[in-house]
Protein backbone atom coordinates (compact mmCIF):
# COMPACT_ATOMS: atom_id res chain seq x y z
CA MET A 1 86.19 174.61 158.65
CA SER A 2 83.83 176.96 157.41
CA SER A 3 86.67 178.80 154.79
CA HIS A 4 86.76 175.19 153.33
CA THR A 5 83.41 174.90 152.91
CA PRO A 6 82.79 177.05 149.91
CA VAL A 7 85.54 175.35 148.08
CA SER A 8 83.78 171.92 148.15
CA VAL A 9 80.28 173.46 147.17
CA GLY A 10 82.26 175.14 144.01
CA GLN A 11 83.48 171.23 143.03
CA ALA A 12 79.96 169.58 143.45
CA VAL A 13 79.01 171.88 141.08
CA ALA A 14 81.61 172.11 139.00
CA ALA A 15 81.46 168.54 138.71
CA ASN A 16 77.69 168.41 138.06
CA ASN A 17 78.34 171.27 135.55
CA ALA A 18 80.26 168.92 133.85
CA GLN A 19 78.48 165.58 134.25
CA THR A 20 75.52 167.71 132.62
CA ILE A 21 77.04 168.97 129.70
CA ARG A 22 78.79 164.74 129.31
CA HIS A 23 74.82 164.23 129.11
CA ASP A 24 73.90 166.81 126.65
CA VAL A 25 76.91 165.95 124.10
CA GLU A 26 75.73 161.97 124.11
CA LEU A 27 72.33 163.04 123.41
CA LEU A 28 73.40 165.47 120.26
CA ALA A 29 75.93 162.04 119.56
CA ASP A 30 72.66 159.79 119.53
CA ASP A 31 70.93 162.67 117.32
CA MET A 32 73.24 161.66 114.40
CA TRP A 33 72.61 157.72 114.15
CA SER A 34 69.75 156.27 112.97
CA LEU A 35 67.29 154.24 114.25
CA ALA A 36 69.13 150.62 113.17
CA GLU A 37 72.15 152.33 114.33
CA ARG A 38 71.23 153.31 117.73
CA ARG A 39 69.85 149.57 118.16
CA PRO A 40 72.14 147.71 120.59
CA ARG A 41 74.57 145.20 119.35
CA CYS A 42 74.32 141.50 121.25
CA LYS A 43 77.74 139.82 120.68
CA ASN A 44 77.10 136.14 118.66
CA CYS A 45 78.30 133.38 121.20
CA LEU A 46 78.83 130.25 119.47
CA LEU A 47 76.92 127.63 121.99
CA ALA A 48 79.15 125.29 123.78
CA CYS A 49 78.02 122.03 122.61
CA TYR A 50 79.45 123.31 119.33
CA ARG A 51 82.58 124.54 120.54
CA ASP A 52 85.97 122.91 119.40
CA ILE A 53 88.38 123.21 122.55
CA LEU A 54 91.91 121.71 121.58
CA PRO A 55 93.36 119.38 123.59
CA GLN A 56 95.67 120.63 126.76
CA THR A 57 98.77 118.60 127.70
CA PRO A 58 99.35 117.79 131.24
CA PRO A 59 101.47 120.17 133.54
CA LEU A 60 105.12 118.34 134.35
CA PRO A 61 104.65 115.64 137.03
CA ILE A 62 105.50 115.72 140.59
CA ALA A 63 106.68 113.01 143.03
CA VAL A 64 103.75 111.56 145.29
CA ARG A 65 103.88 108.93 148.15
CA ASP A 66 99.42 108.25 148.34
CA PHE A 67 98.23 106.00 146.26
CA ILE A 68 95.27 107.08 143.49
CA PRO A 69 92.93 104.58 143.36
CA GLY A 70 91.45 102.83 140.49
CA SER A 71 94.64 102.16 139.13
CA SER A 72 96.20 98.89 138.00
CA VAL A 73 99.07 99.52 140.09
CA GLU A 74 98.72 97.82 143.71
CA PRO A 75 99.74 99.85 146.64
CA SER A 76 101.89 97.40 148.03
CA GLU A 77 103.87 97.40 144.63
CA SER A 78 104.80 101.54 145.07
CA PRO A 79 107.63 101.39 147.60
CA SER A 80 111.18 100.10 146.96
CA VAL A 81 112.02 97.25 145.02
CA THR A 82 113.93 96.15 147.51
CA SER A 83 111.37 95.10 150.11
CA GLY A 84 110.41 91.95 147.95
CA GLY A 85 112.82 91.22 145.34
CA PRO A 86 115.65 88.46 145.83
CA PRO A 87 119.14 89.48 147.41
CA LEU A 88 120.88 89.48 144.08
CA GLY A 89 118.60 92.47 143.22
CA SER A 90 118.70 94.24 146.93
CA ALA A 91 122.89 94.05 145.98
CA LEU A 92 122.34 95.90 142.37
CA LEU A 93 119.47 98.04 142.91
CA ALA A 94 119.45 100.81 145.42
CA CYS A 95 116.98 103.18 144.13
CA THR A 96 113.04 103.50 144.92
CA LEU A 97 110.68 103.12 142.85
CA ARG A 98 107.67 105.39 143.27
CA PHE A 99 105.07 107.21 141.93
CA PHE A 100 105.11 111.03 139.65
CA THR A 101 101.52 112.27 138.78
CA THR A 102 100.72 115.55 137.37
CA LEU A 103 98.07 118.04 137.74
CA THR A 104 94.78 118.04 136.16
CA ASN A 105 94.42 120.15 133.28
CA SER A 106 91.46 122.01 131.87
CA PHE A 107 89.83 118.92 131.05
CA GLY A 108 90.44 117.16 134.21
CA LEU A 109 92.89 114.55 133.35
CA SER A 110 96.12 113.63 134.72
CA CYS A 111 99.05 111.50 134.13
CA ARG A 112 100.64 109.15 136.47
CA TYR A 113 104.31 107.67 136.13
CA TYR A 114 105.82 105.07 137.70
CA GLY A 115 109.94 104.80 138.11
CA ASP A 116 112.94 105.61 140.15
CA CYS A 117 112.97 109.76 138.90
CA LEU A 118 111.36 112.34 137.09
CA LEU A 119 110.99 112.53 133.47
CA THR A 120 113.75 112.16 131.82
CA HIS A 121 112.03 112.80 128.35
CA ASP A 122 108.53 114.46 128.03
CA PRO A 123 106.72 113.54 124.34
CA GLU A 124 104.09 115.51 125.62
CA GLY A 125 105.20 119.19 125.86
CA ALA A 126 106.72 118.42 122.43
CA MET A 127 103.51 117.43 120.58
CA THR A 128 101.61 120.31 118.50
CA LEU A 129 98.61 120.04 116.95
CA HIS A 130 100.64 119.86 113.55
CA ASP A 131 101.50 116.12 115.00
CA LEU A 132 98.08 114.78 115.69
CA THR A 133 96.46 116.43 112.59
CA LEU A 134 96.36 115.91 108.75
CA THR A 135 97.73 118.39 106.85
CA SER A 136 98.61 119.45 103.27
CA PRO A 137 101.69 118.30 101.21
CA ALA A 138 102.56 122.40 101.11
CA ALA A 139 103.54 121.51 105.16
CA GLU A 140 105.04 118.63 105.22
CA ASP A 141 107.25 120.17 101.88
CA HIS A 142 108.54 123.27 104.67
CA VAL A 143 109.07 120.42 107.11
CA SER A 144 111.61 119.16 104.74
CA GLY A 145 112.79 122.13 103.32
CA CYS A 146 114.48 122.97 106.92
CA LEU A 147 116.88 120.08 106.64
CA ASP A 148 120.88 121.09 106.56
CA GLU A 149 122.66 119.49 103.58
CA GLY A 150 124.02 116.40 105.70
CA GLN A 151 121.06 115.82 106.79
CA GLU A 152 120.10 115.72 102.86
CA SER A 153 122.58 114.27 101.62
CA GLN A 154 122.25 111.26 104.19
CA LEU A 155 118.23 111.31 103.50
CA PHE A 156 118.65 111.29 99.95
CA TYR A 157 121.20 109.11 98.98
CA PRO A 158 122.89 108.96 96.61
CA TYR A 159 121.16 112.15 95.36
CA PRO A 160 122.95 115.20 97.53
CA ASN A 161 120.03 117.28 98.45
CA ARG A 162 115.85 116.87 97.79
CA SER A 163 115.86 119.06 94.76
CA SER A 164 118.27 116.51 92.80
CA PHE A 165 116.18 113.78 94.16
CA LEU A 166 112.67 114.81 92.77
CA LEU A 167 114.11 115.16 89.73
CA GLY A 168 116.24 112.03 89.43
CA ASP A 169 112.24 110.68 90.36
CA TRP A 170 110.56 112.29 88.14
CA TYR A 171 113.04 111.43 85.03
CA TRP A 172 113.25 107.94 85.75
CA ASN A 173 109.75 107.05 87.98
CA ASP A 174 107.29 108.95 85.32
CA GLY A 175 107.06 107.11 82.31
CA ILE A 176 109.42 106.67 79.61
CA GLN A 177 107.04 108.45 77.59
CA LYS A 178 106.22 111.79 78.39
CA SER A 179 102.77 113.70 78.49
CA LYS A 180 101.14 116.95 79.12
CA GLU A 181 100.68 115.13 82.87
CA SER A 182 104.22 114.45 82.95
CA PHE A 183 104.94 118.07 81.81
CA LYS A 184 102.89 119.31 85.05
CA GLY A 185 104.58 117.22 87.82
CA LEU A 186 107.92 118.92 85.78
CA LEU A 187 106.54 122.32 86.60
CA LYS A 188 105.19 121.31 90.16
CA ILE A 189 108.65 120.38 90.66
CA VAL A 190 110.49 123.40 89.63
CA ALA A 191 107.80 125.76 90.94
CA ASP A 192 107.85 124.47 94.20
CA PRO A 193 109.36 127.21 96.44
CA ASN A 194 111.76 124.53 98.40
CA PHE A 195 113.17 123.80 95.07
CA ARG A 196 116.98 125.21 94.57
CA PRO A 197 118.11 124.85 90.80
CA GLU A 198 121.79 126.31 92.45
CA HIS A 199 121.57 122.01 94.04
CA VAL A 200 121.23 120.74 91.05
CA ASN A 201 123.96 122.52 88.48
CA GLY A 202 126.55 120.74 90.07
CA THR A 203 124.84 116.91 90.39
CA ARG A 204 126.68 114.50 89.33
CA TRP A 205 124.18 112.28 87.51
CA ASP A 206 126.53 110.03 85.62
CA PHE A 207 127.82 109.00 89.06
CA ILE A 208 124.06 108.81 90.97
CA ASN A 209 123.11 106.26 88.31
CA ALA A 210 126.18 104.77 88.37
CA GLN A 211 125.41 104.00 92.18
CA LEU A 212 122.00 102.83 91.26
CA GLN A 213 122.68 100.50 89.01
CA ALA A 214 125.31 98.72 91.05
CA GLY A 215 122.79 98.52 93.89
CA ALA A 216 120.56 97.09 91.56
CA ASP A 217 123.18 94.76 90.24
CA GLU A 218 124.17 93.66 93.67
CA ALA A 219 120.57 93.16 94.42
CA GLY A 220 119.64 91.09 91.69
CA PRO A 221 116.46 90.92 89.34
CA ASP A 222 114.40 88.77 92.35
CA GLN A 223 115.45 90.53 95.08
CA PRO A 224 114.38 93.83 96.56
CA PHE A 225 116.40 96.62 96.85
CA GLU A 226 115.64 98.32 100.05
CA GLY A 227 118.84 99.57 100.83
CA ALA A 228 121.29 98.27 103.85
CA GLY A 229 119.99 95.81 106.68
CA TRP A 230 118.17 93.07 104.53
CA THR A 231 119.48 89.73 104.29
CA LYS A 232 118.65 86.73 102.94
CA THR A 233 117.76 83.25 105.07
CA ALA A 234 116.62 80.04 103.33
CA VAL A 235 113.32 78.52 104.90
CA THR A 236 113.04 74.87 105.24
CA ILE A 237 110.10 73.07 106.78
CA LYS A 238 109.41 69.71 107.30
CA VAL A 239 107.02 68.11 105.39
CA PRO A 240 105.90 63.95 106.61
CA PHE A 241 104.74 61.24 104.15
CA HIS A 242 102.80 58.73 104.74
CA LYS A 243 104.44 55.19 105.34
CA ARG A 244 102.21 53.63 102.66
CA THR A 245 104.41 55.64 99.93
CA LEU A 246 107.41 54.70 98.08
CA LYS A 247 109.75 56.60 100.51
CA PRO A 248 108.17 56.97 103.94
CA GLY A 249 109.48 59.65 107.05
CA VAL A 250 110.14 62.66 107.32
CA TYR A 251 111.99 65.06 105.06
CA ASP A 252 112.93 68.50 104.41
CA TYR A 253 111.37 70.98 102.19
CA HIS A 254 113.03 73.66 100.74
CA VAL A 255 110.56 76.51 100.72
CA GLY A 256 112.22 79.08 99.42
CA ASP A 257 115.13 82.42 100.65
CA MET A 258 112.94 84.97 103.17
CA TYR A 259 114.20 88.71 102.96
CA HIS A 260 114.17 90.12 106.12
CA ARG A 261 115.82 92.90 108.50
CA THR A 262 116.75 92.28 111.72
CA LEU A 263 114.72 94.23 114.57
CA ILE A 264 117.43 95.66 116.34
CA SER A 265 118.30 97.45 113.27
CA VAL A 266 115.12 98.88 112.37
CA ILE A 267 114.75 100.24 115.86
CA ARG A 268 118.60 101.70 115.94
CA GLU A 269 117.20 103.25 112.74
CA LYS A 270 114.01 104.87 114.37
CA LEU A 271 115.66 105.94 117.14
CA ALA A 272 118.52 107.25 116.03
CA ASN A 273 116.87 110.03 113.76
CA PRO A 274 115.70 113.28 116.25
CA GLN A 275 112.60 113.82 114.43
CA HIS A 276 110.91 110.19 115.40
CA ASP A 277 112.87 110.69 119.19
CA GLU A 278 111.40 113.36 119.63
CA LEU A 279 107.49 112.18 120.02
CA PHE A 280 108.69 108.34 121.62
CA HIS A 281 106.75 107.54 124.81
CA TYR A 282 109.83 105.99 126.49
CA GLN A 283 107.59 105.73 129.91
CA PRO A 284 103.99 104.61 130.11
CA TYR A 285 101.44 106.29 132.52
CA ASN A 286 98.05 106.01 133.67
CA LEU A 287 95.58 108.58 132.53
CA PHE A 288 92.74 109.52 134.67
CA TRP A 289 90.11 111.48 134.47
CA GLN A 290 88.39 113.08 137.56
CA ARG A 291 84.75 114.08 137.62
CA ARG A 292 84.20 116.97 139.84
CA GLU A 293 81.35 114.86 141.91
CA SER A 294 83.63 111.28 142.01
CA PRO A 295 86.24 111.19 144.68
CA THR A 296 87.19 108.60 142.59
CA PRO A 297 89.10 109.21 139.31
CA ILE A 298 88.57 106.68 136.63
CA ASN A 299 91.33 105.47 134.46
CA VAL A 300 91.23 106.55 130.80
CA TYR A 301 92.58 104.37 127.84
CA GLY A 302 93.45 105.29 124.40
CA GLU A 303 96.66 104.99 123.53
CA LEU A 304 98.80 101.65 123.42
CA TYR A 305 101.36 103.29 126.01
CA THR A 306 98.42 103.56 128.45
CA SER A 307 97.41 100.01 128.31
CA LYS A 308 97.16 97.66 131.21
CA ALA A 309 99.90 95.43 129.49
CA PHE A 310 102.45 97.63 128.78
CA LEU A 311 102.14 99.30 132.08
CA GLU A 312 103.02 95.87 133.92
CA ALA A 313 105.69 95.26 131.37
CA HIS A 314 107.40 98.66 132.83
CA ARG A 315 106.58 98.06 136.02
CA ASP A 316 108.41 94.08 136.02
CA LEU A 317 110.82 95.64 134.00
CA GLN A 318 111.94 98.87 136.77
CA GLN A 319 111.74 95.91 139.38
CA SER A 320 113.59 93.40 138.23
CA PRO A 321 117.82 93.01 138.75
CA PRO A 322 119.52 95.84 136.25
CA GLU A 323 123.16 94.42 134.45
CA LEU A 324 126.30 94.45 136.12
CA GLY A 325 127.49 97.98 135.37
CA CYS A 326 124.95 99.35 133.99
CA ASP A 327 123.03 102.52 134.68
CA ARG A 328 121.55 103.31 132.16
CA GLU A 329 117.68 103.60 131.88
CA ARG A 330 115.89 100.98 131.03
CA VAL A 331 112.29 100.91 129.05
CA ILE A 332 109.69 98.93 127.32
CA VAL A 333 109.51 99.19 123.11
CA ALA A 334 106.01 98.17 121.55
CA LEU A 335 106.05 96.26 118.48
CA MET A 336 103.35 96.42 116.51
CA PHE A 337 103.74 93.74 113.26
CA TRP A 338 100.72 93.72 110.35
CA SER A 339 100.77 92.08 107.03
CA ASP A 340 98.76 91.23 104.04
CA ALA A 341 99.21 90.10 100.17
CA THR A 342 99.85 92.96 97.99
CA GLN A 343 99.25 92.71 94.05
CA LEU A 344 101.63 93.43 92.52
CA THR A 345 100.30 93.96 89.21
CA SER A 346 97.13 95.17 87.54
CA PHE A 347 96.62 91.48 85.78
CA GLY A 348 98.13 88.61 87.00
CA ASN A 349 98.76 86.63 89.91
CA ALA A 350 101.94 87.78 91.23
CA LYS A 351 101.73 89.48 94.84
CA LEU A 352 103.97 89.80 97.97
CA TRP A 353 103.25 89.19 101.60
CA PRO A 354 105.19 91.76 103.18
CA CYS A 355 105.36 92.42 106.90
CA TYR A 356 105.02 96.30 108.30
CA MET A 357 106.27 96.87 111.77
CA PHE A 358 105.01 99.59 114.25
CA PHE A 359 106.31 101.21 117.29
CA GLY A 360 104.05 101.26 120.04
CA ASN A 361 105.27 104.07 121.88
CA LYS A 362 104.04 106.32 119.34
CA SER A 363 100.46 107.87 119.31
CA LYS A 364 97.80 106.52 117.23
CA TYR A 365 97.16 109.52 115.74
CA ARG A 366 101.27 109.78 114.14
CA ARG A 367 101.05 106.36 113.42
CA CYS A 368 97.74 106.95 110.52
CA LYS A 369 99.93 109.46 108.75
CA PRO A 370 101.56 108.16 106.03
CA SER A 371 103.29 111.30 106.25
CA CYS A 372 104.74 110.35 109.06
CA CYS A 373 107.04 107.43 107.40
CA LEU A 374 106.49 104.86 110.81
CA CYS A 375 105.47 101.79 108.93
CA SER A 376 109.32 99.79 108.54
CA HIS A 377 109.38 96.74 106.60
CA VAL A 378 110.88 94.13 107.98
CA ALA A 379 110.18 90.79 105.99
CA TYR A 380 108.52 89.46 102.88
CA PHE A 381 106.91 86.40 103.84
CA ASN A 382 106.80 83.48 100.90
CA HIS A 383 103.60 81.95 99.39
CA VAL A 384 103.55 78.12 99.79
CA ARG A 385 101.96 76.03 97.07
CA THR A 386 100.15 73.30 97.42
């Protein structure tokens, strides 16, 4: 042991000398700084009340058997539907319906689904901040610029692509007499990064104008040119006449022709579009908020697909017997209608009563964005003169 003692003392002395030298170097470096630069710097931290934390989607759901208090579905309804269903439903429906819940996220929110299997379509995972907020037109144009030739020709028919459509729209809808503002609009189209001059060189303008003229002639001067799917139906109402009139009784009165689209065609058109289908909520869910000091979660309502009416309709559909020979997933499509008079001219009384339809399976934040094109025209009502 005595032979190793001098070595240990030497290492300690060397370490002490190195620490002394490092301290002297630090003092020399501090002497080179001014008094203002020697002050310790404090980090600027934003207060918690002013911090904007982005939304976070819950994790993927997992199967659970226990009942979560505070929900709108009773515990007796969670087991298999074959226990209380009719004999026909027992013979056709052999699957077991149960709850699928998610873990809580950083905000304490969790989702609970009801069905016979895990989620086959998760729109929450595909949703981004761009889908829920207002963006500049340049960002929307970038999305439209990512379409391939087949999608562009189908979207802008009879124009073959977006560049040709923008020029045609400027030519026909920007006024007969061109002005400086119209010229600026043309420059904006040509200077767009998504504008392709090679797409315009081979455009058959005479053929496109003939297609537009043929569509206008087919629709007629008094019919709205809205594309395929519109039908005309004569509207007749019963009008009673008093017995003291010359011709008492009930007679048919022709109000006019109503132009409308079938709801099935509108639903197929929306769901066949991959952009609309990706963020479409086919399965509703209960949204719970778990407080730290409370053992019972609180049901949060904010969307139509988290409402009690939607959940009850989904539960009734899942518990009903399916169609014979059909094993496809059954979902609810929520339709929301709205109508109001639209003034057509600045001077005069000409107006229309369009009927709009929205899908409740879409988020309310996307329904408020006109650039999402989630509003569909389904009918035009007639104004009855009395």
